Protein backbone atom coordinates (compact mmCIF):
# COMPACT_ATOMS: atom_id res chain seq x y z
CA MET A 1 -160.98 -65.02 93.44
CA ASP A 2 -162.73 -66.05 90.21
CA TYR A 3 -160.28 -68.45 88.60
CA ASN A 4 -162.22 -68.78 85.36
CA ASN A 5 -162.13 -65.05 84.63
CA ASN A 6 -158.64 -64.22 85.82
CA GLN A 7 -155.92 -66.80 85.24
CA GLN A 8 -153.46 -64.50 83.47
CA PHE A 9 -151.23 -62.33 85.68
CA ASP A 10 -148.30 -59.98 85.26
CA VAL A 11 -146.38 -61.33 88.27
CA VAL A 12 -146.60 -64.40 90.49
CA VAL A 13 -145.08 -64.11 93.99
CA LEU A 14 -144.28 -67.36 95.79
CA GLY A 15 -144.68 -66.87 99.54
CA SER A 16 -146.88 -64.45 101.46
CA GLY A 17 -144.47 -63.70 104.28
CA LEU A 18 -143.54 -60.11 105.06
CA ALA A 19 -141.18 -59.57 102.12
CA GLY A 20 -143.46 -61.25 99.60
CA SER A 21 -146.52 -59.34 100.76
CA ILE A 22 -144.68 -55.98 100.71
CA LEU A 23 -143.48 -56.51 97.15
CA ALA A 24 -146.87 -57.79 96.00
CA THR A 25 -148.61 -54.77 97.55
CA ILE A 26 -146.25 -52.30 95.84
CA LEU A 27 -146.78 -53.94 92.46
CA ALA A 28 -150.56 -54.05 92.85
CA LYS A 29 -150.58 -50.39 93.88
CA HIS A 30 -149.02 -49.62 90.50
CA ASN A 31 -151.64 -51.54 88.53
CA ILE A 32 -149.67 -54.76 88.18
CA ARG A 33 -151.80 -57.92 88.23
CA VAL A 34 -150.33 -60.06 91.02
CA LEU A 35 -151.00 -63.64 92.12
CA MET A 36 -149.44 -64.61 95.49
CA ILE A 37 -149.27 -68.32 96.35
CA ASP A 38 -148.48 -69.83 99.75
CA LYS A 39 -148.44 -73.40 101.04
CA GLU A 40 -149.60 -72.26 104.47
CA VAL A 41 -152.19 -69.88 105.92
CA HIS A 42 -152.04 -66.74 108.09
CA PRO A 43 -151.64 -66.18 110.98
CA ARG A 44 -148.64 -68.46 111.53
CA PHE A 45 -145.41 -68.72 113.50
CA ALA A 46 -142.30 -67.05 112.09
CA ILE A 47 -139.08 -65.64 113.47
CA GLY A 48 -137.06 -62.71 112.19
CA GLU A 49 -138.73 -60.51 114.78
CA ALA A 50 -136.24 -57.76 115.67
CA MET A 51 -136.42 -54.52 113.72
CA THR A 52 -133.46 -52.14 113.46
CA PRO A 53 -133.06 -48.44 112.60
CA ASP A 54 -131.89 -49.56 109.15
CA THR A 55 -135.08 -51.58 108.62
CA ASP A 56 -137.32 -48.81 109.94
CA LEU A 57 -135.69 -46.39 107.49
CA MET A 58 -136.09 -48.72 104.52
CA MET A 59 -139.75 -49.33 105.40
CA SER A 60 -140.35 -45.55 105.43
CA ILE A 61 -138.55 -45.08 102.12
CA LEU A 62 -140.49 -47.92 100.48
CA SER A 63 -143.74 -46.47 101.76
CA TYR A 64 -143.12 -42.99 100.36
CA GLN A 65 -141.29 -44.13 97.22
CA TYR A 66 -144.22 -46.28 96.11
CA SER A 67 -147.09 -44.41 97.84
CA VAL A 68 -148.14 -47.30 100.10
CA PRO A 69 -148.76 -45.81 103.57
CA GLU A 70 -149.41 -49.21 105.13
CA ILE A 71 -145.73 -50.14 104.79
CA ALA A 72 -144.84 -47.15 106.97
CA HIS A 73 -147.19 -48.59 109.59
CA LEU A 74 -144.40 -51.12 110.22
CA SER A 75 -141.62 -48.52 110.40
CA SER A 76 -141.76 -47.67 114.11
CA PHE A 77 -143.07 -48.85 117.45
CA ASP A 78 -145.61 -46.03 117.61
CA ASN A 79 -146.86 -46.67 114.09
CA ILE A 80 -147.49 -50.36 114.80
CA CYS A 81 -149.31 -49.58 118.04
CA GLU A 82 -151.49 -46.95 116.37
CA ASN A 83 -152.25 -48.72 113.10
CA ILE A 84 -152.11 -52.45 113.82
CA SER A 85 -152.15 -53.37 117.52
CA PRO A 86 -150.04 -52.64 120.63
CA SER A 87 -149.87 -56.40 121.18
CA ALA A 88 -148.45 -56.98 117.68
CA CYS A 89 -145.07 -55.66 118.76
CA GLY A 90 -142.65 -55.29 121.60
CA LEU A 91 -140.66 -52.12 122.23
CA LYS A 92 -137.08 -51.98 121.00
CA ARG A 93 -135.44 -49.00 122.63
CA SER A 94 -131.97 -50.55 122.48
CA PHE A 95 -129.61 -53.29 121.36
CA ASN A 96 -128.34 -54.88 124.58
CA PHE A 97 -125.28 -57.13 124.83
CA ILE A 98 -124.19 -58.99 127.97
CA TYR A 99 -121.02 -61.08 127.94
CA HIS A 100 -121.05 -64.32 129.96
CA ARG A 101 -118.33 -66.65 131.14
CA GLU A 102 -119.15 -70.28 131.73
CA GLY A 103 -119.84 -71.11 135.37
CA GLU A 104 -119.60 -67.49 136.54
CA LYS A 105 -122.29 -65.20 137.94
CA GLN A 106 -123.09 -62.05 135.99
CA THR A 107 -121.81 -58.75 137.40
CA LEU A 108 -122.56 -56.54 134.37
CA GLN A 109 -118.93 -55.49 134.15
CA GLU A 110 -118.74 -56.66 130.54
CA CYS A 111 -121.81 -55.40 128.76
CA ASN A 112 -122.98 -52.77 126.26
CA LYS A 113 -126.15 -50.92 125.34
CA VAL A 114 -126.91 -49.09 122.12
CA GLY A 115 -130.00 -46.90 122.41
CA VAL A 116 -132.04 -46.20 119.28
CA HIS A 117 -135.17 -44.28 118.35
CA PRO A 118 -138.06 -46.49 119.56
CA SER A 119 -138.18 -49.40 117.16
CA SER A 120 -140.02 -52.67 117.55
CA HIS A 121 -140.09 -56.42 117.99
CA LEU A 122 -142.48 -57.79 115.39
CA PHE A 123 -144.91 -60.47 116.56
CA ARG A 124 -144.81 -62.09 113.16
CA PRO A 125 -148.13 -63.99 113.25
CA ASP A 126 -149.97 -60.67 113.57
CA ILE A 127 -147.64 -58.55 111.42
CA ASP A 128 -147.42 -61.00 108.51
CA ASN A 129 -151.18 -61.52 108.61
CA TYR A 130 -151.70 -57.74 108.54
CA MET A 131 -149.44 -57.24 105.52
CA ALA A 132 -150.97 -60.15 103.60
CA LYS A 133 -154.42 -58.57 104.13
CA VAL A 134 -153.05 -55.21 102.95
CA ALA A 135 -151.84 -56.92 99.77
CA VAL A 136 -155.30 -58.33 99.15
CA LYS A 137 -156.84 -54.91 99.79
CA TYR A 138 -154.66 -53.46 97.04
CA GLY A 139 -155.84 -56.12 94.60
CA VAL A 140 -153.38 -58.99 95.03
CA ASN A 141 -154.96 -62.39 94.47
CA LEU A 142 -153.85 -64.63 97.35
CA LEU A 143 -154.02 -68.42 97.26
CA GLU A 144 -153.28 -70.03 100.65
CA LYS A 145 -152.94 -73.73 101.46
CA THR A 146 -151.88 -74.14 97.86
CA ASN A 147 -149.06 -76.29 96.53
CA ILE A 148 -147.49 -75.92 93.12
CA LYS A 149 -147.70 -79.13 91.13
CA GLU A 150 -145.84 -77.96 88.05
CA LEU A 151 -143.80 -74.86 87.17
CA ASN A 152 -142.50 -73.96 83.74
CA ILE A 153 -140.47 -70.82 83.04
CA ASN A 154 -139.01 -69.95 79.66
CA LYS A 155 -138.47 -66.93 77.43
CA GLU A 156 -142.18 -66.85 76.61
CA GLY A 157 -143.40 -66.60 80.19
CA VAL A 158 -144.38 -68.44 83.37
CA LYS A 159 -146.92 -71.26 83.62
CA ILE A 160 -148.00 -72.77 86.94
CA GLN A 161 -150.24 -75.68 87.78
CA ILE A 162 -151.50 -75.88 91.38
CA ASP A 163 -152.54 -78.98 93.25
CA SER A 164 -156.22 -78.47 92.32
CA GLY A 165 -155.24 -78.95 88.67
CA GLU A 166 -155.79 -75.32 87.65
CA TYR A 167 -153.27 -73.43 85.53
CA PHE A 168 -152.09 -69.82 85.81
CA THR A 169 -149.79 -67.89 83.51
CA ALA A 170 -147.70 -64.80 84.16
CA ASN A 171 -144.95 -62.69 82.67
CA TYR A 172 -142.62 -62.80 85.69
CA LEU A 173 -142.14 -64.73 88.94
CA VAL A 174 -140.58 -63.68 92.26
CA ASP A 175 -139.63 -66.33 94.79
CA ALA A 176 -140.13 -65.04 98.34
CA SER A 177 -140.60 -68.47 99.89
CA GLY A 178 -137.39 -68.63 101.95
CA TYR A 179 -135.21 -71.67 102.55
CA ASN A 180 -137.50 -74.13 100.75
CA SER A 181 -137.25 -72.14 97.54
CA LEU A 182 -138.89 -73.92 94.62
CA LEU A 183 -136.75 -72.06 92.08
CA SER A 184 -133.51 -72.89 93.87
CA SER A 185 -134.36 -76.55 93.60
CA GLN A 186 -135.73 -76.49 90.06
CA PHE A 187 -132.80 -74.55 88.59
CA ASN A 188 -130.03 -75.94 90.87
CA LEU A 189 -129.12 -72.47 92.15
CA ARG A 190 -127.73 -73.48 95.55
CA ASP A 191 -123.97 -73.30 96.09
CA LYS A 192 -122.37 -76.65 96.80
CA PRO A 193 -120.38 -76.25 98.97
CA ILE A 194 -122.01 -73.31 100.72
CA LYS A 195 -120.27 -70.02 99.88
CA CYS A 196 -119.84 -68.39 103.27
CA LYS A 197 -117.50 -68.29 106.24
CA THR A 198 -120.04 -68.39 109.06
CA HIS A 199 -120.96 -71.73 110.64
CA SER A 200 -123.88 -71.69 113.07
CA ARG A 201 -127.01 -73.53 114.07
CA SER A 202 -129.94 -72.61 116.27
CA VAL A 203 -132.50 -73.84 118.80
CA PHE A 204 -135.50 -71.58 119.36
CA THR A 205 -139.10 -71.27 120.52
CA HIS A 206 -141.64 -68.89 122.04
CA MET A 207 -141.93 -68.82 125.83
CA VAL A 208 -143.92 -67.21 128.63
CA GLY A 209 -142.68 -66.40 132.11
CA VAL A 210 -139.30 -65.04 130.99
CA LYS A 211 -138.17 -62.53 133.62
CA LYS A 212 -137.00 -59.00 132.91
CA TYR A 213 -133.23 -59.08 133.11
CA ASP A 214 -133.36 -55.87 135.16
CA ASP A 215 -135.08 -57.92 137.91
CA CYS A 216 -132.47 -60.68 137.74
CA ILE A 217 -129.29 -58.74 138.46
CA GLN A 218 -128.39 -56.33 141.25
CA SER A 219 -126.36 -53.43 139.92
CA ASP A 220 -125.64 -49.80 140.66
CA ARG A 221 -127.64 -48.13 137.91
CA ASP A 222 -126.16 -45.00 136.39
CA SER A 223 -128.60 -42.13 136.96
CA GLN A 224 -127.87 -40.97 133.39
CA ASP A 225 -128.74 -44.37 131.91
CA GLU A 226 -132.24 -44.25 130.43
CA LEU A 227 -131.92 -47.68 128.82
CA PHE A 228 -133.42 -50.76 130.46
CA TRP A 229 -132.33 -54.28 129.60
CA TYR A 230 -135.91 -55.47 129.13
CA GLN A 231 -136.86 -52.66 126.73
CA GLY A 232 -134.62 -53.84 123.96
CA THR A 233 -133.35 -56.87 122.06
CA LEU A 234 -131.20 -58.68 124.61
CA HIS A 235 -128.16 -60.57 123.33
CA HIS A 236 -126.44 -62.93 125.76
CA ILE A 237 -122.93 -63.38 124.34
CA PHE A 238 -120.65 -66.33 125.20
CA ASP A 239 -117.59 -68.06 123.81
CA GLY A 240 -119.00 -70.07 120.91
CA GLY A 241 -122.30 -68.33 120.31
CA TRP A 242 -125.03 -65.98 121.37
CA MET A 243 -128.64 -65.98 122.54
CA TRP A 244 -131.58 -63.72 121.70
CA VAL A 245 -134.34 -62.66 124.08
CA ILE A 246 -137.08 -60.71 122.27
CA PRO A 247 -140.07 -59.80 124.45
CA PHE A 248 -143.46 -58.67 123.16
CA ASP A 249 -144.75 -57.73 126.62
CA ASN A 250 -142.19 -55.06 127.52
CA HIS A 251 -144.50 -52.04 127.33
CA GLU A 252 -147.67 -51.15 129.16
CA LYS A 253 -149.90 -51.19 126.08
CA SER A 254 -149.24 -54.85 125.27
CA SER A 255 -151.35 -57.79 126.42
CA ASN A 256 -149.08 -60.27 124.63
CA PRO A 257 -147.15 -62.34 127.23
CA ILE A 258 -144.88 -64.08 124.72
CA CYS A 259 -141.09 -63.83 124.47
CA SER A 260 -139.04 -65.15 121.56
CA VAL A 261 -135.98 -67.10 122.71
CA GLY A 262 -133.20 -68.71 120.72
CA VAL A 263 -129.61 -69.85 121.11
CA ASN A 264 -127.12 -69.86 118.24
CA PHE A 265 -124.04 -72.07 118.45
CA ASP A 266 -120.92 -72.23 116.34
CA SER A 267 -121.81 -75.54 114.69
CA ARG A 268 -118.17 -76.59 114.34
CA ARG A 269 -117.51 -76.28 118.06
CA PHE A 270 -120.96 -77.38 119.17
CA PRO A 271 -122.29 -79.75 116.50
CA LYS A 272 -125.88 -80.90 116.62
CA THR A 273 -126.44 -84.15 118.57
CA GLU A 274 -129.34 -86.53 119.09
CA ILE A 275 -130.52 -84.90 122.32
CA SER A 276 -133.78 -82.95 122.21
CA PRO A 277 -133.60 -79.17 121.81
CA GLU A 278 -135.39 -78.80 125.16
CA LEU A 279 -132.67 -80.75 126.92
CA GLU A 280 -129.94 -78.94 125.01
CA PHE A 281 -131.39 -75.62 126.19
CA GLN A 282 -131.47 -76.80 129.80
CA ASN A 283 -127.89 -78.06 129.53
CA PHE A 284 -126.90 -74.68 128.13
CA LEU A 285 -128.52 -72.84 131.04
CA SER A 286 -126.70 -75.07 133.52
CA ARG A 287 -123.40 -73.76 132.13
CA PHE A 288 -124.34 -70.09 132.45
CA PRO A 289 -125.95 -69.14 135.77
CA GLY A 290 -126.09 -65.49 134.70
CA ILE A 291 -128.49 -66.49 131.92
CA ALA A 292 -130.34 -69.28 133.74
CA ILE A 293 -131.74 -66.88 136.34
CA GLN A 294 -133.85 -65.22 133.63
CA PHE A 295 -135.56 -68.53 132.81
CA GLU A 296 -136.31 -69.94 136.26
CA LYS A 297 -140.08 -69.78 135.64
CA ALA A 298 -140.14 -69.74 131.85
CA LYS A 299 -142.15 -72.29 129.86
CA PRO A 300 -142.26 -72.89 126.11
CA ILE A 301 -145.67 -72.47 124.46
CA ARG A 302 -144.74 -74.33 121.30
CA ASN A 303 -142.33 -77.09 120.36
CA TRP A 304 -138.66 -76.22 120.25
CA VAL A 305 -137.02 -76.10 116.84
CA SER A 306 -133.49 -77.37 116.33
CA THR A 307 -131.80 -76.56 113.03
CA ASN A 308 -128.87 -77.93 111.15
CA ARG A 309 -126.38 -75.41 109.79
CA LEU A 310 -128.28 -72.17 109.18
CA GLN A 311 -126.22 -70.95 106.24
CA TYR A 312 -127.14 -71.49 102.61
CA SER A 313 -126.19 -69.55 99.50
CA SER A 314 -126.93 -69.42 95.78
CA HIS A 315 -124.61 -68.77 92.86
CA SER A 316 -127.42 -66.87 91.15
CA CYS A 317 -130.65 -65.26 92.33
CA MET A 318 -132.22 -64.51 88.95
CA GLY A 319 -132.87 -65.88 85.52
CA GLU A 320 -135.02 -65.28 82.46
CA ARG A 321 -138.33 -64.04 83.92
CA PHE A 322 -137.64 -64.80 87.59
CA TYR A 323 -135.93 -63.38 90.69
CA LEU A 324 -135.22 -64.78 94.19
CA LEU A 325 -135.52 -62.41 97.15
CA PRO A 326 -132.67 -62.63 99.72
CA HIS A 327 -134.19 -65.28 102.02
CA ALA A 328 -134.95 -67.54 99.07
CA ALA A 329 -131.38 -67.21 97.79
CA GLY A 330 -129.36 -67.37 101.01
CA PHE A 331 -129.09 -66.77 104.73
CA ILE A 332 -126.30 -66.21 107.26
CA ASP A 333 -127.45 -65.84 110.88
CA PRO A 334 -130.01 -63.78 112.83
CA LEU A 335 -127.25 -61.77 114.54
CA TYR A 336 -127.73 -58.03 113.81
CA SER A 337 -131.15 -58.74 112.21
CA PHE A 338 -130.04 -58.24 108.61
CA GLY A 339 -132.73 -60.43 107.04
CA LEU A 340 -135.61 -57.99 106.69
CA VAL A 341 -133.53 -54.90 105.95
CA ASN A 342 -131.72 -56.71 103.13
CA SER A 343 -135.07 -57.84 101.70
CA CYS A 344 -136.40 -54.27 101.79
CA THR A 345 -133.16 -52.98 100.25
CA ILE A 346 -133.60 -55.33 97.29
CA ILE A 347 -137.35 -54.70 96.95
CA LEU A 348 -136.71 -50.94 96.60
CA PRO A 349 -135.11 -51.19 93.11
CA LEU A 350 -136.62 -54.56 92.16
CA ALA A 351 -140.22 -53.34 92.25
CA ALA A 352 -139.35 -50.45 89.91
CA ARG A 353 -137.50 -52.75 87.52
CA ILE A 354 -140.41 -55.20 87.36
CA ILE A 355 -142.86 -52.36 86.67
CA LYS A 356 -140.53 -51.10 83.93
CA ALA A 357 -140.06 -54.61 82.48
CA ILE A 358 -143.82 -55.09 82.20
CA ALA A 359 -144.26 -51.69 80.54
CA LYS A 360 -141.55 -52.42 77.96
CA ASN A 361 -142.18 -56.19 77.72
CA ASP A 362 -138.47 -56.74 78.35
CA TYR A 363 -137.68 -59.37 81.01
CA SER A 364 -134.08 -60.01 80.03
CA THR A 365 -131.59 -60.74 82.79
CA GLU A 366 -129.65 -57.60 81.86
CA GLN A 367 -132.49 -55.56 83.38
CA PHE A 368 -131.84 -57.12 86.81
CA ALA A 369 -128.12 -57.93 86.80
CA ASP A 370 -127.03 -55.00 88.97
CA ILE A 371 -129.68 -55.87 91.59
CA GLU A 372 -128.31 -59.42 91.74
CA THR A 373 -124.80 -57.97 92.21
CA LEU A 374 -126.08 -55.79 95.04
CA GLN A 375 -127.74 -58.79 96.69
CA HIS A 376 -124.50 -60.78 96.57
CA LYS A 377 -122.60 -57.85 98.09
CA LEU A 378 -125.08 -57.54 100.96
CA PHE A 379 -124.78 -61.28 101.59
CA ASP A 380 -120.97 -61.17 101.69
CA TYR A 381 -120.94 -58.14 104.01
CA ASN A 382 -123.32 -59.89 106.38
CA ASP A 383 -121.19 -63.03 106.30
CA ASN A 384 -117.94 -61.20 107.09
CA LEU A 385 -119.49 -59.18 109.90
CA VAL A 386 -121.14 -62.18 111.56
CA ASN A 387 -118.21 -64.56 111.10
CA CYS A 388 -115.84 -62.10 112.78
CA SER A 389 -118.40 -61.66 115.56
CA TYR A 390 -118.35 -65.39 116.31
CA ILE A 391 -114.55 -65.28 116.37
CA SER A 392 -114.62 -62.29 118.72
CA PHE A 393 -117.04 -63.96 121.15
CA ALA A 394 -114.08 -65.85 122.61
CA ASN A 395 -112.67 -62.67 124.18
CA PHE A 396 -114.64 -59.73 125.56
CA ASN A 397 -112.03 -57.12 124.59
CA LEU A 398 -112.09 -58.30 120.98
CA TRP A 399 -115.89 -58.42 120.96
CA ASP A 400 -116.02 -54.92 122.47
CA ALA A 401 -113.82 -53.68 119.62
CA TRP A 402 -115.61 -55.57 116.85
CA ARG A 403 -119.12 -54.46 117.86
CA ARG A 404 -117.93 -50.91 117.07
CA ILE A 405 -117.29 -52.02 113.49
CA TRP A 406 -120.94 -53.11 113.33
CA LEU A 407 -122.10 -49.87 114.95
CA LEU A 408 -120.11 -47.65 112.58
CA GLY A 409 -121.33 -49.73 109.65
CA SER A 410 -124.95 -49.44 110.74
CA PHE A 411 -124.72 -45.65 110.93
CA THR A 412 -122.88 -45.41 107.60
CA ARG A 413 -125.43 -47.65 105.88
CA GLN A 414 -128.34 -45.55 107.12
CA MET A 415 -126.69 -42.34 105.96
CA LYS A 416 -125.71 -43.76 102.57
CA ALA A 417 -129.12 -45.23 101.91
CA GLY A 418 -131.19 -42.34 103.04
CA ILE A 419 -129.68 -39.14 104.39
CA LYS A 420 -131.51 -37.08 101.75
CA LYS A 421 -134.62 -39.24 101.93
CA ARG A 422 -134.62 -39.33 105.74
CA LEU A 423 -134.46 -35.53 105.88
CA LYS A 424 -137.32 -35.16 103.39
CA ILE A 425 -139.47 -37.53 105.46
CA ALA A 426 -138.53 -35.71 108.68
CA ALA A 427 -139.28 -32.38 107.01
CA GLY A 428 -142.73 -33.54 105.98
CA LYS A 429 -141.76 -33.81 102.29
CA GLY A 430 -141.88 -37.59 102.01
CA GLU A 431 -144.22 -37.50 99.03
CA GLU A 432 -141.35 -36.09 96.95
CA LEU A 433 -139.64 -39.48 97.12
CA ALA A 434 -142.15 -40.90 94.64
CA THR A 435 -140.48 -38.82 91.92
CA LEU A 436 -136.92 -39.94 92.68
CA ASN A 437 -135.04 -42.38 90.47
CA VAL A 438 -134.31 -45.74 92.14
CA ASP A 439 -132.05 -47.07 89.38
CA ASN A 440 -128.86 -45.80 91.07
CA LEU A 441 -127.95 -48.61 93.43
CA GLU A 442 -124.69 -47.17 94.81
CA SER A 443 -126.41 -45.71 97.87
CA LEU A 444 -127.77 -49.18 98.74
CA THR A 445 -124.44 -50.98 98.74
CA PRO A 446 -123.05 -52.43 102.01
CA SER A 447 -122.02 -50.03 104.74
CA TYR A 448 -118.39 -49.35 103.88
CA GLN A 449 -118.38 -49.81 100.10
CA GLY A 450 -117.18 -46.67 98.38
CA LEU A 451 -116.20 -45.07 101.68
CA GLY A 452 -114.18 -47.32 103.93
CA ASP A 453 -113.56 -50.50 101.94
CA ASP A 454 -109.94 -50.79 103.05
CA PHE A 455 -110.90 -50.08 106.66
CA PHE A 456 -113.45 -52.91 106.74
CA PHE A 457 -111.24 -55.46 105.01
CA GLN A 458 -108.30 -54.60 107.26
CA ALA A 459 -110.51 -55.10 110.31
CA ILE A 460 -111.66 -58.49 108.96
CA ALA A 461 -108.06 -59.56 108.33
CA ILE A 462 -107.07 -58.69 111.89
CA VAL A 463 -109.85 -60.74 113.46
CA GLU A 464 -109.35 -63.69 111.13
CA LYS A 465 -105.70 -63.83 112.23
CA VAL A 466 -107.00 -64.69 115.70
CA GLN A 467 -108.91 -67.64 114.28
CA ALA A 468 -105.76 -68.73 112.45
CA GLY A 469 -103.72 -68.52 115.66
CA LEU A 470 -101.42 -65.82 114.28
CA ILE A 471 -102.11 -63.15 116.92
CA SER A 472 -103.77 -63.04 120.33
CA ALA A 473 -107.32 -61.78 120.78
CA ASP A 474 -106.12 -58.89 122.96
CA ASP A 475 -103.59 -57.81 120.33
CA ALA A 476 -106.31 -57.97 117.70
CA ALA A 477 -108.61 -55.84 119.88
CA ASN A 478 -105.91 -53.18 120.18
CA GLN A 479 -105.32 -53.19 116.42
CA VAL A 480 -109.03 -52.86 115.65
CA MET A 481 -109.33 -49.95 118.07
CA SER A 482 -106.33 -48.23 116.45
CA LEU A 483 -107.95 -48.76 113.06
CA ILE A 484 -111.19 -47.17 114.25
CA LYS A 485 -109.28 -44.10 115.41
CA SER A 486 -107.83 -43.69 111.90
CA ILE A 487 -111.04 -43.53 109.87
CA ASP A 488 -111.57 -40.53 107.60
CA PHE A 489 -115.05 -41.25 106.22
CA LEU A 490 -116.72 -39.93 109.39
CA PRO A 491 -115.81 -37.03 111.72
CA HIS A 492 -112.84 -37.70 113.98
CA ASN A 493 -113.74 -40.02 116.90
CA PHE A 494 -117.39 -39.99 115.98
CA TRP A 495 -119.60 -41.07 118.91
CA ASN A 496 -116.32 -41.54 120.88
CA LEU A 497 -116.10 -45.01 119.36
CA GLY A 498 -112.31 -44.81 119.40
CA ASP A 499 -112.37 -44.58 123.19
CA VAL A 500 -111.99 -48.01 124.79
CA LEU A 501 -113.88 -46.74 127.86
CA GLN A 502 -116.97 -45.98 125.77
CA LYS A 503 -119.45 -48.57 127.02
CA ASN A 504 -122.97 -47.45 126.19
CA ILE A 505 -124.29 -45.09 123.57
CA ASP A 506 -127.80 -43.72 123.17
CA THR A 507 -128.48 -42.22 119.76
CA GLU A 508 -131.42 -40.33 121.31
CA SER A 509 -129.21 -38.60 123.89
CA ASP A 510 -128.12 -34.96 123.91
CA PHE A 511 -124.55 -36.11 123.29
CA CYS A 512 -125.54 -37.90 120.08
CA ARG A 513 -127.66 -34.97 118.92
CA VAL A 514 -124.53 -32.84 119.15
CA GLU A 515 -122.64 -35.54 117.25
CA TYR A 516 -125.26 -35.52 114.49
CA SER A 517 -124.87 -31.74 114.21
CA ARG A 518 -121.12 -32.20 113.98
CA PHE A 519 -121.63 -34.82 111.28
CA PHE A 520 -123.90 -32.60 109.16
CA SER A 521 -121.47 -29.69 109.47
CA TRP A 522 -118.51 -31.91 108.63
CA ILE A 523 -120.20 -33.09 105.40
CA LYS A 524 -120.46 -29.54 104.08
CA LYS A 525 -116.86 -28.79 105.00
CA SER A 526 -115.39 -32.01 103.58
CA SER A 527 -113.47 -31.80 100.33
CA LYS A 528 -113.54 -35.58 99.75
CA PRO A 529 -115.65 -36.39 96.66
CA GLU A 530 -116.92 -39.68 98.12
CA ILE A 531 -118.30 -37.83 101.17
CA LYS A 532 -120.23 -35.46 98.92
CA LYS A 533 -121.36 -38.35 96.75
CA TYR A 534 -122.89 -40.42 99.55
CA PHE A 535 -123.69 -37.96 102.33
CA ASP A 536 -124.50 -34.54 100.83
CA TYR A 537 -127.94 -33.10 101.57
CA ASP A 538 -130.15 -30.05 101.07
CA ILE A 539 -129.74 -27.54 103.89
CA GLU A 540 -133.38 -26.46 103.44
CA ASP A 541 -134.55 -29.98 104.29
CA LEU A 542 -132.32 -30.09 107.38
CA VAL A 543 -133.71 -26.77 108.61
CA ALA A 544 -137.30 -27.87 107.97
CA ALA A 545 -136.73 -31.23 109.69
CA THR A 546 -135.17 -29.54 112.71
CA LYS A 547 -138.06 -27.08 113.03
CA LEU A 548 -140.63 -29.87 112.75
CA ALA A 549 -138.84 -32.00 115.36
CA THR A 550 -138.66 -29.04 117.74
CA ALA A 551 -142.36 -28.27 117.26
CA ASN A 552 -143.32 -31.88 117.99
CA LYS A 553 -141.45 -32.04 121.31
C-alpha cells in the first residue's frame, strides 16, 4: 500500500477476522475505498469453528446479494474442499448431543442426533487467512501488526493515527475486532452490569489424538441410522455445562489431524479457580468416564485458554459514523454456534446501508437504527435460548424437550430469512438476488418473532420456573412438549417433534423430504397472514429447484 498517495478512505474496518473481511470485501466489490486494520497477522488461532445450516444459508445469500462468489466458497463442506482446501475444514453432517451423568459409563440411552446437509467445521487459521486475502484481491487495503494510537470520530468524519505515526481519514468506521473493541472502550458502550441471563465460562484448546466417539462406545447401531458421531459437531452435555468436540480430520480428504476441544461451565456453579486449565480439564474427565475414554491418547498442541465469564453486552452498537458488529458489541456462549450467523445476518443489511450512506453523504444514526434494533433482538434471543439450555442440562427429559425449541427455531429462522432466496439459489437463479431490496429487516428477526412469539416466551417461562424452584424439571418437560404440540405456525407435528419418542432426525432423509413437501403445500393452503408474509414463495422456483436437484442426483 502506498500511504502517501492513499490516506483517505470511505470506510475503515477494525479487525480482519472472518466477519470483518467479509464486510470489507463486499464494500470493496461495490467501489468503496476500504482500509482494514488488525493488531495481529494471518494465519492465526481462532475459535468459532462450527458452521450451521443457518450460517451456510446466510453465506450463500450474501454471496449472491452482493455478487461476491468467494463468500459462497465458505457456504458448504464441498465448496470449501473445492475452492480452498480439504484440510481447511472438517465435515459437519450432524449436530450430536450425548447426555452424561457424573461417575456413570455411557450407554447412549440418552442422546440425540440432528442430521443436516453436509456443512463444515472451519479451521479458522486457514479460513480467516483465505478471506483476508480475498478482501485484498478486491482492493481492500490491509494493515497487519498495526496498533491504533489515536482515534477521533465526530460529525465531520473519522481520523486515525497508527503506531507508526501516520494518519488516515475516513467517512465511516466499522468495529469488527471482537471482545477487545476499541469503540466500546472509547465510547463507554459496555453494559454495567452485563445485560444477559446466561452465566458461563470456558476452557479450550486444539488437540491431536482425540478418538472417534464411534470407536469408544459399544452400541447396537440402527441400520437406518446414517449419522456417525465423529462426522458432526459432538456436544457432551452434563449437569452444569457442555463440551464441544470439533474435528478437522473426520473425512478422507483431510490431512489436518487437529480437533478443537472446549468445556463450558455454568460459572455460578463452577466458578473459576487458581488451578491451571489443563488440570481442570483432567479433573473434569475424571468425573465423566463416558467422556474421558475419548481423550485417553489426546494431547494439546497449544496452551489451554481459561476464560472468565464469557458474556458481555453493549447498550448501543452504533453512533455518528460508526457501527459495532455483533462480536464487538456482545457475546453469549458458543452453544448452537450463533456467532457467525448473527454477524452475517447484520452484514446483509449493514453493507447496503453503508453503500447508500456514502452515496448520499448521510451517516446519521437514523440510517442504522433498525439494524441496531435487530442486533439487540438477535442477542436477546440467543441469551434466552442458551440460558434455558443450561437450566435444562440438569435433567435429560427437560433437555430433550428444550432442544426441540432450538430445532424448531432453527428451521423457522432459515425459512423466514431465505425461503424465497433459497429456492432461487437452488433453482439456479441466484443472480436475481442482487436486485432484491435488503432494507426490509423483518425476515431477519429472531426465529419466532412475528410467528410464535407467545410460544417462545411461554416455553422460556416454563423452564425458568425450574430454576426458581417453582416446578420440577419433569413437569416442565411435559409442559414444553404439550406446548410444542399446540403450535400453529408450522404444520401439525412437524418433523414429529411433538412425539417424546422422537430421538434422531435427519433433514436429508426421505422422511424429512416428505415433511418439506408437506410444509410447502401447507403454506399455500394457510389462511394466516403471517404465514404468507414470512413463508410464501414462487411455485415456479420450487418446480425449477426440484428439477435441478433431481437432475444432480
